[in-house]
Amino acid sequence: MISLISNVGFPIAAAVAMGWYVNKKDKEHKSEIDRLSNVVENNTLILNKIYEHISERNDN
């Protein structure tokens, strides 16, 4: 019985721990990507406004 727990128990515990860790990192990564997407969208809006402003000045 002890041999069975030693041979099977640790791999099961390790697999559960790795699954939990991957799930945690996946949630953190999604949060990072959401924030990064928001920053890129805001930068795009600002760049468009700058472009419009420069275009108006060049037309005059």
N, C-alpha and C. Protein backbone atom coordinates (compact mmCIF):
# COMPACT_ATOMS: atom_id res chain seq x y z
N MET A 1 0.83 -1.20 0.00
CA MET A 1 0.00 0.00 0.00
C MET A 1 0.87 1.26 0.00
N ILE A 2 1.91 1.28 0.83
CA ILE A 2 2.80 2.43 0.89
C ILE A 2 3.52 2.60 -0.44
N SER A 3 3.90 1.50 -1.05
CA SER A 3 4.55 1.56 -2.35
C SER A 3 3.60 2.14 -3.40
N LEU A 4 2.35 1.76 -3.36
CA LEU A 4 1.36 2.28 -4.30
C LEU A 4 1.20 3.79 -4.14
N ILE A 5 1.11 4.26 -2.89
CA ILE A 5 0.99 5.70 -2.63
C ILE A 5 2.24 6.43 -3.10
N SER A 6 3.39 5.86 -2.86
CA SER A 6 4.65 6.48 -3.28
C SER A 6 4.76 6.54 -4.79
N ASN A 7 4.35 5.49 -5.46
CA ASN A 7 4.49 5.42 -6.92
C ASN A 7 3.41 6.18 -7.67
N VAL A 8 2.22 6.24 -7.13
CA VAL A 8 1.10 6.86 -7.83
C VAL A 8 0.69 8.20 -7.20
N GLY A 9 0.81 8.32 -5.91
CA GLY A 9 0.36 9.52 -5.21
C GLY A 9 1.10 10.78 -5.63
N PHE A 10 2.42 10.70 -5.70
CA PHE A 10 3.19 11.89 -6.08
C PHE A 10 2.90 12.34 -7.50
N PRO A 11 2.88 11.45 -8.49
CA PRO A 11 2.56 11.92 -9.84
C PRO A 11 1.17 12.55 -9.94
N ILE A 12 0.21 12.02 -9.23
CA ILE A 12 -1.13 12.60 -9.24
C ILE A 12 -1.10 13.98 -8.61
N ALA A 13 -0.44 14.12 -7.47
CA ALA A 13 -0.34 15.42 -6.79
C ALA A 13 0.40 16.41 -7.68
N ALA A 14 1.46 15.97 -8.33
CA ALA A 14 2.23 16.85 -9.21
C ALA A 14 1.38 17.30 -10.40
N ALA A 15 0.61 16.39 -10.98
CA ALA A 15 -0.25 16.74 -12.11
C ALA A 15 -1.32 17.74 -11.69
N VAL A 16 -1.90 17.55 -10.52
CA VAL A 16 -2.92 18.48 -10.02
C VAL A 16 -2.29 19.86 -9.78
N ALA A 17 -1.12 19.88 -9.17
CA ALA A 17 -0.44 21.14 -8.90
C ALA A 17 -0.08 21.86 -10.20
N MET A 18 0.40 21.12 -11.19
CA MET A 18 0.74 21.74 -12.47
C MET A 18 -0.50 22.26 -13.18
N GLY A 19 -1.59 21.53 -13.09
CA GLY A 19 -2.85 21.99 -13.69
C GLY A 19 -3.33 23.28 -13.05
N TRP A 20 -3.25 23.35 -11.71
CA TRP A 20 -3.65 24.56 -11.00
C TRP A 20 -2.75 25.74 -11.40
N TYR A 21 -1.45 25.49 -11.50
CA TYR A 21 -0.50 26.54 -11.85
C TYR A 21 -0.75 27.07 -13.27
N VAL A 22 -0.97 26.17 -14.21
CA VAL A 22 -1.22 26.58 -15.59
C VAL A 22 -2.52 27.38 -15.67
N ASN A 23 -3.54 26.96 -14.96
CA ASN A 23 -4.81 27.68 -14.95
C ASN A 23 -4.64 29.08 -14.37
N LYS A 24 -3.88 29.20 -13.28
CA LYS A 24 -3.62 30.49 -12.65
C LYS A 24 -2.87 31.41 -13.62
N LYS A 25 -1.84 30.90 -14.26
CA LYS A 25 -1.05 31.70 -15.20
C LYS A 25 -1.89 32.10 -16.41
N ASP A 26 -2.78 31.23 -16.85
CA ASP A 26 -3.64 31.55 -17.99
C ASP A 26 -4.55 32.73 -17.66
N LYS A 27 -5.11 32.75 -16.45
CA LYS A 27 -5.97 33.86 -16.03
C LYS A 27 -5.16 35.16 -15.93
N GLU A 28 -3.94 35.08 -15.39
CA GLU A 28 -3.09 36.27 -15.30
C GLU A 28 -2.74 36.78 -16.70
N HIS A 29 -2.45 35.87 -17.61
CA HIS A 29 -2.09 36.26 -18.97
C HIS A 29 -3.28 36.94 -19.67
N LYS A 30 -4.47 36.41 -19.46
CA LYS A 30 -5.66 37.03 -20.06
C LYS A 30 -5.83 38.45 -19.55
N SER A 31 -5.61 38.65 -18.26
CA SER A 31 -5.72 39.99 -17.68
C SER A 31 -4.68 40.92 -18.29
N GLU A 32 -3.46 40.45 -18.46
CA GLU A 32 -2.40 41.26 -19.07
C GLU A 32 -2.75 41.62 -20.51
N ILE A 33 -3.25 40.66 -21.26
CA ILE A 33 -3.60 40.89 -22.66
C ILE A 33 -4.75 41.88 -22.77
N ASP A 34 -5.73 41.79 -21.87
CA ASP A 34 -6.84 42.74 -21.87
C ASP A 34 -6.34 44.16 -21.64
N ARG A 35 -5.44 44.32 -20.65
CA ARG A 35 -4.88 45.66 -20.39
C ARG A 35 -4.06 46.15 -21.57
N LEU A 36 -3.27 45.28 -22.15
CA LEU A 36 -2.45 45.65 -23.30
C LEU A 36 -3.32 46.04 -24.50
N SER A 37 -4.40 45.32 -24.73
CA SER A 37 -5.32 45.66 -25.82
C SER A 37 -5.92 47.04 -25.61
N ASN A 38 -6.27 47.35 -24.38
CA ASN A 38 -6.82 48.67 -24.06
C ASN A 38 -5.80 49.76 -24.34
N VAL A 39 -4.56 49.54 -23.98
CA VAL A 39 -3.51 50.53 -24.23
C VAL A 39 -3.30 50.73 -25.73
N VAL A 40 -3.29 49.65 -26.48
CA VAL A 40 -3.11 49.76 -27.93
C VAL A 40 -4.27 50.52 -28.57
N GLU A 41 -5.48 50.24 -28.13
CA GLU A 41 -6.65 50.97 -28.66
C GLU A 41 -6.55 52.46 -28.36
N ASN A 42 -6.16 52.80 -27.13
CA ASN A 42 -6.02 54.21 -26.77
C ASN A 42 -4.91 54.88 -27.58
N ASN A 43 -3.81 54.19 -27.78
CA ASN A 43 -2.73 54.75 -28.59
C ASN A 43 -3.17 54.95 -30.04
N THR A 44 -3.95 54.05 -30.55
CA THR A 44 -4.45 54.18 -31.92
C THR A 44 -5.34 55.41 -32.04
N LEU A 45 -6.20 55.63 -31.06
CA LEU A 45 -7.07 56.81 -31.09
C LEU A 45 -6.24 58.09 -31.07
N ILE A 46 -5.25 58.14 -30.22
CA ILE A 46 -4.40 59.33 -30.12
C ILE A 46 -3.63 59.53 -31.42
N LEU A 47 -3.08 58.48 -31.98
CA LEU A 47 -2.35 58.60 -33.24
C LEU A 47 -3.26 59.09 -34.37
N ASN A 48 -4.49 58.64 -34.40
CA ASN A 48 -5.44 59.12 -35.41
C ASN A 48 -5.72 60.61 -35.24
N LYS A 49 -5.86 61.06 -33.98
CA LYS A 49 -6.09 62.48 -33.73
C LYS A 49 -4.87 63.30 -34.15
N ILE A 50 -3.69 62.81 -33.86
CA ILE A 50 -2.46 63.51 -34.27
C ILE A 50 -2.39 63.57 -35.79
N TYR A 51 -2.69 62.47 -36.45
CA TYR A 51 -2.66 62.44 -37.91
C TYR A 51 -3.65 63.44 -38.50
N GLU A 52 -4.86 63.47 -37.95
CA GLU A 52 -5.87 64.42 -38.43
C GLU A 52 -5.40 65.86 -38.23
N HIS A 53 -4.82 66.13 -37.10
CA HIS A 53 -4.34 67.48 -36.81
C HIS A 53 -3.22 67.88 -37.79
N ILE A 54 -2.31 66.97 -38.02
CA ILE A 54 -1.20 67.26 -38.97
C ILE A 54 -1.75 67.42 -40.38
N SER A 55 -2.69 66.59 -40.76
CA SER A 55 -3.29 66.69 -42.10
C SER A 55 -3.99 68.03 -42.29
N GLU A 56 -4.71 68.49 -41.27
CA GLU A 56 -5.40 69.79 -41.37
C GLU A 56 -4.40 70.92 -41.50
N ARG A 57 -3.30 70.84 -40.80
CA ARG A 57 -2.29 71.91 -40.89
C ARG A 57 -1.60 71.91 -42.25
N ASN A 58 -1.42 70.73 -42.84
CA ASN A 58 -0.77 70.64 -44.15
C ASN A 58 -1.71 71.10 -45.27
N ASP A 59 -3.00 70.94 -45.07
CA ASP A 59 -3.97 71.37 -46.09
C ASP A 59 -4.06 72.88 -46.15
N ASN A 60 -3.79 73.56 -45.08
CA ASN A 60 -3.90 75.03 -45.03
C ASN A 60 -2.66 75.65 -45.50
